[in-house]
Amino acid sequence: MKLHIPPALKHFRYRYLWLGLLISVAGSQMQSAAIHWHIRTLTGEPDPLALGGIGLARILPVIFFSIIGGAVADNYNRRAILFITQSILALQALVLAILTFGGHIAIWQIYVLTAVQAAAMAFDLPARQSLVPNLVPRDVLPSAFGLNTIAFNAGAIGGPLLFGLIPEGNMGLAYLLNSISFLAVIFALIFMGKIPQDVNKAGGINLRAMWDGVRFIFSRPLISSTMLMDFIATFFASANTMLPIVAQDILKVGKPGFAWLTSAQAIGSVMAGIVVSQIPKLRRQGLLFFGAVFVFGIATILFGLGASFAVAMITLFVIGAADAVSTVVRNTIRQLQTPDHIRGRMTSVNQIFFMGGPQLGEVEAGVAAALFGVPFAIVSGGIGCILGMGLVAWKWPQLVTYDWHEPQPAAATVD
């Protein structure tokens, strides 16, 4: 297959945003890996519950602020919102670095600062995802979301690998570099200039406007079913939170091995994202979506059963590739089914599902691992993912047969 410039990168505003995210995501993923390893270091012994606590710290702000964040994205300038959220995220990472360099960091402080980060992301993500359709034409959205997946996972490769190069006693450097990385997005927003967008016709941020977003989603079975599938898959198959224990205590590969395991899933995602971004017209997206989720669950089971570093690397690679394909399909379905004036609220509700799944899954995996062991927690999660997929396919057969190049029945709109 001959490679060409993805259509979305031909639009300069999107190109600026994508390049900024490429750098910023690498910093964020480096910090995420650092936090998991930092907590494993501070506990001094395998403690699945302490690692699972990270998920709890992340999900609570998302539940409280996501709907509000979506209403803000629909009523205010999304570019300005991103200026504010990116600045808060940079400050959060800087505080984490200062505490770590000072030698006064404690696990509860990591939890609190992680919650601050999640609260900022509750406003950042709806604005950022809702901004993409304002930057590229409708027919280029699959390319744009494919590139978003590449940017996220390229950062998820480089970030943990860079963390693996940081000396053990210099953990604060990872947080400092992440703080600096947010400047890339801030500069990208400056160079973009003014961006036209529709606003909520009802105007204002109020309970009715927020409820309209929820009502709209559940009036569109294609949107609500993809959100539920997203939650089920990531709730049951959240293997990442146990990677510090898998690397240090099961595979005995230490911090460098942990960095490679963390990156393996992202490498698979990038490879799959590149392939998807090169395909101008994906067909039979519903079947592709469910096939990807099925592979995701099977690979998770094999990862839990694996007893070698090589098997872990291969299965995590497959997990990442399958997740990338399902991500592109479900994101494109949602954006194509949603009018611009309500995209922020749709994205904010979706954020509860796609962030709630893995974060609550981290808590679930921590409890299951503490009770029955890490391998059981991972394998049972993969089985739960496949069973959940079957339930969604049975309940919403129109999602299985979905093809966005075919005419779709009209659904209710919300002003």
Protein backbone atom coordinates (compact mmCIF):
# COMPACT_ATOMS: atom_id res chain seq x y z
CA MET A 1 0.00 0.00 0.00
CA LYS A 2 1.48 3.34 -1.09
CA LEU A 3 1.71 5.86 1.74
CA HIS A 4 0.43 9.39 1.20
CA ILE A 5 -0.17 12.46 3.34
CA PRO A 6 -3.32 11.80 5.41
CA PRO A 7 -6.14 14.13 4.27
CA ALA A 8 -6.58 15.73 7.71
CA LEU A 9 -2.97 16.98 7.76
CA LYS A 10 -3.66 19.08 4.66
CA HIS A 11 -5.69 21.44 6.88
CA PHE A 12 -3.25 23.72 8.67
CA ARG A 13 -5.23 24.30 11.90
CA TYR A 14 -5.63 20.59 12.48
CA ARG A 15 -1.97 20.07 11.58
CA TYR A 16 -0.88 22.55 14.31
CA LEU A 17 -3.11 20.87 16.89
CA TRP A 18 -1.91 17.39 15.93
CA LEU A 19 1.78 18.29 16.18
CA GLY A 20 1.19 19.93 19.56
CA LEU A 21 -0.65 16.88 20.85
CA LEU A 22 2.12 14.60 19.58
CA ILE A 23 4.55 16.28 21.99
CA SER A 24 2.14 16.88 24.86
CA VAL A 25 0.78 13.33 24.91
CA ALA A 26 4.32 11.96 25.14
CA GLY A 27 4.83 14.03 28.28
CA SER A 28 1.50 12.97 29.76
CA GLN A 29 2.17 9.29 29.10
CA MET A 30 5.63 9.60 30.62
CA GLN A 31 4.00 11.06 33.75
CA SER A 32 1.37 8.30 33.81
CA ALA A 33 4.06 5.61 33.73
CA ALA A 34 6.05 7.51 36.35
CA ILE A 35 3.06 7.72 38.71
CA HIS A 36 2.40 3.97 38.55
CA TRP A 37 6.06 3.12 39.12
CA HIS A 38 6.40 5.83 41.78
CA ILE A 39 3.57 4.34 43.83
CA ARG A 40 5.06 0.84 43.45
CA THR A 41 8.35 2.29 44.77
CA LEU A 42 6.74 4.16 47.66
CA THR A 43 4.82 1.10 48.87
CA GLY A 44 8.01 -1.00 48.92
CA GLU A 45 6.07 -4.19 48.09
CA PRO A 46 3.40 -5.40 45.65
CA ASP A 47 0.22 -3.51 46.57
CA PRO A 48 -2.55 -3.85 43.94
CA LEU A 49 -4.95 -1.72 46.00
CA ALA A 50 -2.51 1.23 46.07
CA LEU A 51 -2.20 1.03 42.28
CA GLY A 52 -5.97 0.68 41.93
CA GLY A 53 -6.38 3.87 43.95
CA ILE A 54 -5.03 5.82 40.98
CA GLY A 55 -8.15 4.89 39.05
CA LEU A 56 -10.39 6.08 41.86
CA ALA A 57 -8.54 9.41 42.03
CA ARG A 58 -9.07 9.87 38.30
CA ILE A 59 -12.70 8.84 37.96
CA LEU A 60 -14.30 10.90 40.75
CA PRO A 61 -13.53 14.30 39.14
CA VAL A 62 -14.66 12.95 35.78
CA ILE A 63 -18.05 11.97 37.22
CA PHE A 64 -18.49 15.36 38.91
CA PHE A 65 -17.23 17.65 36.14
CA SER A 66 -17.67 15.93 32.77
CA ILE A 67 -21.25 17.05 32.06
CA ILE A 68 -20.37 20.61 33.07
CA GLY A 69 -17.27 20.45 30.88
CA GLY A 70 -19.36 19.46 27.89
CA ALA A 71 -21.80 22.33 28.41
CA VAL A 72 -18.86 24.73 28.68
CA ALA A 73 -17.46 23.40 25.37
CA ASP A 74 -20.81 24.01 23.65
CA ASN A 75 -21.26 27.54 25.02
CA TYR A 76 -17.78 29.03 25.01
CA ASN A 77 -14.84 29.29 22.65
CA ARG A 78 -13.21 25.86 22.58
CA ARG A 79 -9.80 27.26 21.72
CA ALA A 80 -9.90 29.52 24.79
CA ILE A 81 -10.98 26.61 26.99
CA LEU A 82 -7.95 24.63 25.83
CA PHE A 83 -5.65 27.53 26.71
CA ILE A 84 -6.93 27.39 30.29
CA THR A 85 -6.96 23.61 30.72
CA GLN A 86 -3.52 23.10 29.20
CA SER A 87 -2.12 25.75 31.56
CA ILE A 88 -3.68 24.01 34.58
CA LEU A 89 -2.27 20.66 33.47
CA ALA A 90 1.20 22.18 33.11
CA LEU A 91 0.95 23.66 36.62
CA GLN A 92 -0.22 20.35 38.10
CA ALA A 93 2.79 18.52 36.67
CA LEU A 94 5.11 21.26 37.92
CA VAL A 95 3.79 20.95 41.49
CA LEU A 96 4.27 17.19 41.31
CA ALA A 97 7.87 17.74 40.17
CA ILE A 98 8.61 20.23 42.97
CA LEU A 99 7.25 17.90 45.67
CA THR A 100 9.22 14.98 44.27
CA PHE A 101 12.48 16.91 43.94
CA GLY A 102 12.01 18.14 47.51
CA GLY A 103 11.70 14.58 48.81
CA HIS A 104 8.37 15.26 50.52
CA ILE A 105 6.04 13.38 48.16
CA ALA A 106 3.51 10.96 49.65
CA ILE A 107 1.01 8.63 48.00
CA TRP A 108 -1.96 10.74 49.11
CA GLN A 109 -0.40 13.80 47.43
CA ILE A 110 -0.05 11.86 44.19
CA TYR A 111 -3.73 10.92 44.44
CA VAL A 112 -4.78 14.54 45.02
CA LEU A 113 -2.72 15.91 42.13
CA THR A 114 -3.96 13.10 39.90
CA ALA A 115 -7.52 14.17 40.77
CA VAL A 116 -6.65 17.77 39.81
CA GLN A 117 -5.35 16.51 36.48
CA ALA A 118 -8.54 14.51 35.89
CA ALA A 119 -10.71 17.53 36.72
CA ALA A 120 -8.86 19.64 34.15
CA MET A 121 -9.21 16.85 31.59
CA ALA A 122 -12.97 16.79 32.20
CA PHE A 123 -13.05 20.24 30.57
CA ASP A 124 -10.14 19.72 28.17
CA LEU A 125 -11.32 16.61 26.35
CA PRO A 126 -14.85 17.75 25.35
CA ALA A 127 -13.39 21.01 24.02
CA ARG A 128 -10.56 19.26 22.17
CA GLN A 129 -12.64 16.51 20.54
CA SER A 130 -15.46 18.91 19.69
CA LEU A 131 -12.91 21.24 18.09
CA VAL A 132 -11.76 18.65 15.53
CA PRO A 133 -14.93 18.86 13.33
CA ASN A 134 -14.38 22.65 13.26
CA LEU A 135 -10.90 22.12 11.82
CA VAL A 136 -11.55 19.62 8.99
CA PRO A 137 -14.44 18.83 6.59
CA ARG A 138 -16.92 16.11 7.48
CA ASP A 139 -15.53 13.57 4.99
CA VAL A 140 -12.04 13.94 6.50
CA LEU A 141 -13.12 13.10 10.06
CA PRO A 142 -12.09 9.40 9.88
CA SER A 143 -8.59 10.51 8.86
CA ALA A 144 -8.49 13.08 11.69
CA PHE A 145 -9.57 10.60 14.35
CA GLY A 146 -7.14 8.03 12.98
CA LEU A 147 -4.36 10.60 13.33
CA ASN A 148 -5.55 11.45 16.85
CA THR A 149 -5.11 7.78 17.71
CA ILE A 150 -1.62 7.83 16.19
CA ALA A 151 -0.68 10.95 18.18
CA PHE A 152 -1.96 9.47 21.43
CA ASN A 153 -0.24 6.16 20.96
CA ALA A 154 2.99 7.58 19.54
CA GLY A 155 3.17 9.55 22.78
CA ALA A 156 2.30 6.41 24.69
CA ILE A 157 5.33 4.74 23.09
CA GLY A 158 7.83 7.56 23.52
CA GLY A 159 6.66 8.68 26.97
CA PRO A 160 7.20 5.42 28.88
CA LEU A 161 10.44 4.69 27.00
CA LEU A 162 11.78 8.11 27.99
CA PHE A 163 10.71 7.39 31.56
CA GLY A 164 12.68 4.14 31.40
CA LEU A 165 15.83 6.19 30.69
CA ILE A 166 15.37 8.43 33.74
CA PRO A 167 17.54 7.34 36.71
CA GLU A 168 15.61 5.66 39.53
CA GLY A 169 16.28 8.44 42.02
CA ASN A 170 15.29 11.27 39.69
CA MET A 171 11.54 10.64 39.32
CA GLY A 172 10.73 14.36 39.45
CA LEU A 173 12.38 14.88 36.06
CA ALA A 174 9.53 12.98 34.38
CA TYR A 175 6.99 15.35 35.92
CA LEU A 176 9.03 18.43 34.99
CA LEU A 177 9.38 17.36 31.35
CA ASN A 178 5.63 16.75 31.20
CA SER A 179 4.97 20.27 32.48
CA ILE A 180 7.14 21.69 29.69
CA SER A 181 5.47 19.52 27.03
CA PHE A 182 2.13 21.33 27.41
CA LEU A 183 3.73 24.41 25.83
CA ALA A 184 3.52 22.60 22.47
CA VAL A 185 -0.29 22.64 22.51
CA ILE A 186 -0.42 26.20 23.85
CA PHE A 187 1.78 27.43 20.98
CA ALA A 188 -0.29 25.43 18.48
CA LEU A 189 -3.46 27.16 19.70
CA ILE A 190 -1.79 30.54 19.27
CA PHE A 191 -0.76 29.80 15.67
CA MET A 192 -4.24 28.52 14.75
CA GLY A 193 -5.91 31.89 15.00
CA LYS A 194 -9.67 32.34 15.33
CA ILE A 195 -11.78 29.21 14.71
CA PRO A 196 -15.49 29.40 13.74
CA GLN A 197 -17.89 27.16 15.67
CA ASP A 198 -21.62 26.77 16.27
CA VAL A 199 -22.89 27.38 19.78
CA ASN A 200 -25.73 25.90 21.81
CA LYS A 201 -28.94 27.46 20.47
CA ALA A 202 -30.54 27.43 23.89
CA GLY A 203 -27.59 29.39 25.26
CA GLY A 204 -26.12 29.34 28.72
CA ILE A 205 -24.93 26.63 31.07
CA ASN A 206 -27.84 25.24 33.05
CA LEU A 207 -29.34 21.95 34.12
CA ARG A 208 -31.65 21.85 31.11
CA ALA A 209 -28.76 22.27 28.69
CA MET A 210 -26.78 19.53 30.42
CA TRP A 211 -29.79 17.21 30.55
CA ASP A 212 -30.40 17.84 26.84
CA GLY A 213 -26.97 16.35 26.16
CA VAL A 214 -27.83 13.18 28.07
CA ARG A 215 -31.26 12.96 26.42
CA PHE A 216 -29.75 13.38 22.96
CA ILE A 217 -27.30 10.50 23.51
CA PHE A 218 -29.99 8.07 24.61
CA SER A 219 -32.14 9.07 21.63
CA ARG A 220 -29.35 7.76 19.39
CA PRO A 221 -28.85 4.01 19.92
CA LEU A 222 -25.71 4.03 17.77
CA ILE A 223 -24.08 6.54 20.13
CA SER A 224 -25.26 5.07 23.43
CA SER A 225 -24.37 1.49 22.44
CA THR A 226 -20.80 2.40 21.43
CA MET A 227 -20.38 4.20 24.75
CA LEU A 228 -21.60 1.18 26.69
CA MET A 229 -19.33 -1.14 24.70
CA ASP A 230 -16.40 1.18 25.41
CA PHE A 231 -17.13 1.07 29.15
CA ILE A 232 -17.55 -2.71 29.30
CA ALA A 233 -14.36 -3.49 27.38
CA THR A 234 -12.14 -1.12 29.33
CA PHE A 235 -13.70 -1.90 32.72
CA PHE A 236 -13.07 -5.61 32.49
CA ALA A 237 -9.83 -5.53 30.51
CA SER A 238 -7.77 -2.87 32.32
CA ALA A 239 -4.47 -4.74 32.48
CA ASN A 240 -2.26 -1.64 32.45
CA THR A 241 -2.64 -0.80 36.12
CA MET A 242 -1.04 -4.12 37.10
CA LEU A 243 1.99 -3.68 34.81
CA PRO A 244 4.35 -2.51 37.61
CA ILE A 245 3.64 -5.75 39.50
CA VAL A 246 3.81 -7.86 36.32
CA ALA A 247 7.18 -6.33 35.41
CA GLN A 248 8.78 -6.23 38.86
CA ASP A 249 7.33 -9.24 40.65
CA ILE A 250 6.18 -11.74 37.99
CA LEU A 251 8.44 -11.30 34.95
CA LYS A 252 11.35 -9.87 36.98
CA VAL A 253 12.32 -7.37 34.24
CA GLY A 254 12.46 -4.26 36.44
CA LYS A 255 11.94 -0.65 35.39
CA PRO A 256 13.31 -0.99 31.80
CA GLY A 257 11.01 -3.96 31.20
CA PHE A 258 8.09 -2.02 32.67
CA ALA A 259 8.79 0.82 30.23
CA TRP A 260 8.76 -1.57 27.26
CA LEU A 261 5.59 -3.33 28.42
CA THR A 262 3.87 0.03 28.82
CA SER A 263 4.93 1.02 25.30
CA ALA A 264 4.04 -2.29 23.60
CA GLN A 265 0.31 -1.59 23.58
CA ALA A 266 0.90 1.86 22.12
CA ILE A 267 3.17 0.46 19.39
CA GLY A 268 0.32 -1.79 18.27
CA SER A 269 -2.07 1.15 18.34
CA VAL A 270 0.21 3.31 16.20
CA MET A 271 0.67 0.58 13.59
CA ALA A 272 -3.08 0.02 13.37
CA GLY A 273 -3.75 3.77 13.37
CA ILE A 274 -1.39 4.28 10.42
CA VAL A 275 -3.19 1.59 8.44
CA VAL A 276 -6.64 3.01 9.25
CA SER A 277 -5.60 6.59 8.40
CA GLN A 278 -4.49 5.43 4.92
CA ILE A 279 -7.86 3.88 4.06
CA PRO A 280 -10.11 6.58 2.52
CA LYS A 281 -13.37 4.66 2.95
CA LEU A 282 -13.75 2.03 5.65
CA ARG A 283 -16.66 -0.32 4.99
CA ARG A 284 -18.76 -2.52 7.31
CA GLN A 285 -17.60 -0.52 10.31
CA GLY A 286 -19.98 -2.27 12.71
CA LEU A 287 -18.46 -5.69 12.08
CA LEU A 288 -14.98 -4.17 12.20
CA PHE A 289 -15.78 -2.61 15.58
CA PHE A 290 -17.01 -5.85 17.17
CA GLY A 291 -14.17 -7.85 15.61
CA ALA A 292 -11.65 -5.47 17.14
CA VAL A 293 -13.26 -5.72 20.59
CA PHE A 294 -13.27 -9.53 20.37
CA VAL A 295 -9.55 -9.59 19.52
CA PHE A 296 -8.96 -7.14 22.39
CA GLY A 297 -10.58 -9.55 24.86
CA ILE A 298 -8.79 -12.66 23.55
CA ALA A 299 -5.40 -10.92 23.67
CA THR A 300 -6.08 -9.80 27.25
CA ILE A 301 -6.75 -13.42 28.28
CA LEU A 302 -3.52 -14.57 26.62
CA PHE A 303 -1.60 -11.78 28.33
CA GLY A 304 -2.86 -12.94 31.72
CA LEU A 305 -1.91 -16.55 30.94
CA GLY A 306 1.53 -15.67 29.54
CA ALA A 307 4.60 -16.47 31.61
CA SER A 308 7.30 -14.76 29.55
CA PHE A 309 8.33 -11.25 28.58
CA ALA A 310 8.02 -12.07 24.86
CA VAL A 311 4.43 -13.31 25.21
CA ALA A 312 3.53 -10.23 27.23
CA MET A 313 5.00 -7.91 24.58
CA ILE A 314 3.18 -9.65 21.71
CA THR A 315 -0.21 -9.78 23.43
CA LEU A 316 0.02 -6.16 24.55
CA PHE A 317 0.88 -5.18 20.96
CA VAL A 318 -2.28 -6.94 19.73
CA ILE A 319 -4.36 -5.34 22.51
CA GLY A 320 -3.18 -1.92 21.36
CA ALA A 321 -3.87 -2.58 17.68
CA ALA A 322 -7.39 -3.84 18.37
CA ASP A 323 -8.13 -0.91 20.65
CA ALA A 324 -6.96 1.59 18.01
CA VAL A 325 -9.31 0.17 15.37
CA SER A 326 -12.32 0.20 17.70
CA THR A 327 -11.45 3.73 18.86
CA VAL A 328 -11.42 5.17 15.34
CA VAL A 329 -14.72 3.51 14.44
CA ARG A 330 -16.63 4.48 17.58
CA ASN A 331 -15.32 8.08 17.62
CA THR A 332 -16.29 8.59 13.99
CA ILE A 333 -19.77 7.14 14.54
CA ARG A 334 -20.39 9.53 17.43
CA GLN A 335 -19.16 12.64 15.64
CA LEU A 336 -21.10 11.89 12.44
CA GLN A 337 -24.28 11.32 14.46
CA THR A 338 -23.94 14.54 16.51
CA PRO A 339 -24.70 18.17 15.47
CA ASP A 340 -21.94 20.67 16.20
CA HIS A 341 -23.89 22.67 18.81
CA ILE A 342 -24.17 19.63 21.10
CA ARG A 343 -20.85 17.89 20.42
CA GLY A 344 -19.28 19.12 23.66
CA ARG A 345 -22.06 17.65 25.78
CA MET A 346 -21.99 14.39 23.83
CA THR A 347 -18.23 14.15 24.33
CA SER A 348 -18.52 14.92 28.04
CA VAL A 349 -21.01 12.09 28.62
CA ASN A 350 -18.82 9.83 26.52
CA GLN A 351 -15.88 10.83 28.71
CA ILE A 352 -17.63 9.32 31.73
CA PHE A 353 -17.90 6.02 29.86
CA PHE A 354 -14.48 5.80 28.23
CA MET A 355 -12.56 7.22 31.20
CA GLY A 356 -14.85 5.63 33.76
CA GLY A 357 -14.31 2.18 32.28
CA PRO A 358 -10.52 1.98 32.62
CA GLN A 359 -10.34 3.97 35.87
CA LEU A 360 -13.03 1.94 37.64
CA GLY A 361 -11.43 -1.07 35.98
CA GLU A 362 -8.18 -0.20 37.75
CA VAL A 363 -10.02 -0.33 41.08
CA GLU A 364 -11.72 -3.61 40.11
CA ALA A 365 -8.41 -5.10 38.95
CA GLY A 366 -6.73 -3.99 42.17
CA VAL A 367 -9.38 -5.66 44.33
CA ALA A 368 -9.44 -8.84 42.21
CA ALA A 369 -5.64 -9.04 42.21
CA ALA A 370 -5.49 -8.54 45.98
CA LEU A 371 -8.02 -11.34 46.51
CA PHE A 372 -7.14 -13.85 43.79
CA GLY A 373 -3.82 -12.77 42.27
CA VAL A 374 -2.79 -10.65 39.29
CA PRO A 375 -3.12 -13.37 36.58
CA PHE A 376 -6.72 -14.12 37.65
CA ALA A 377 -7.61 -10.41 37.57
CA ILE A 378 -6.31 -10.06 34.00
CA VAL A 379 -7.76 -13.29 32.57
CA SER A 380 -11.21 -12.79 34.12
CA GLY A 381 -11.21 -9.26 32.72
CA GLY A 382 -10.67 -10.53 29.18
CA ILE A 383 -13.51 -13.03 29.59
CA GLY A 384 -15.81 -10.29 30.92
CA CYS A 385 -14.95 -8.11 27.90
CA ILE A 386 -16.01 -10.83 25.43
CA LEU A 387 -19.23 -11.62 27.30
CA GLY A 388 -20.10 -7.92 27.43
CA MET A 389 -19.46 -7.59 23.69
CA GLY A 390 -21.90 -10.42 23.02
CA LEU A 391 -24.56 -8.72 25.15
CA VAL A 392 -24.21 -5.41 23.27
CA ALA A 393 -24.30 -7.17 19.87
CA TRP A 394 -27.51 -8.97 20.89
CA LYS A 395 -29.18 -5.83 22.25
CA TRP A 396 -28.20 -3.46 19.39
CA PRO A 397 -27.92 -5.48 16.15
CA GLN A 398 -28.02 -2.22 14.14
CA LEU A 399 -24.54 -1.46 15.47
CA VAL A 400 -23.25 -4.79 14.12
CA THR A 401 -24.54 -4.00 10.62
CA TYR A 402 -23.65 -0.29 10.70
CA ASP A 403 -21.99 1.25 7.63
CA TRP A 404 -21.68 5.03 7.63
CA HIS A 405 -21.60 5.12 3.81
CA GLU A 406 -25.17 3.83 3.76
CA PRO A 407 -28.18 6.09 4.55
CA GLN A 408 -29.02 6.06 8.25
CA PRO A 409 -32.51 6.57 9.71
CA ALA A 410 -33.20 9.99 11.17
CA ALA A 411 -33.20 10.42 14.93
CA ALA A 412 -34.30 13.08 17.36
CA THR A 413 -32.33 16.30 17.62
CA VAL A 414 -31.88 18.53 20.61
CA ASP A 415 -31.63 22.30 20.53
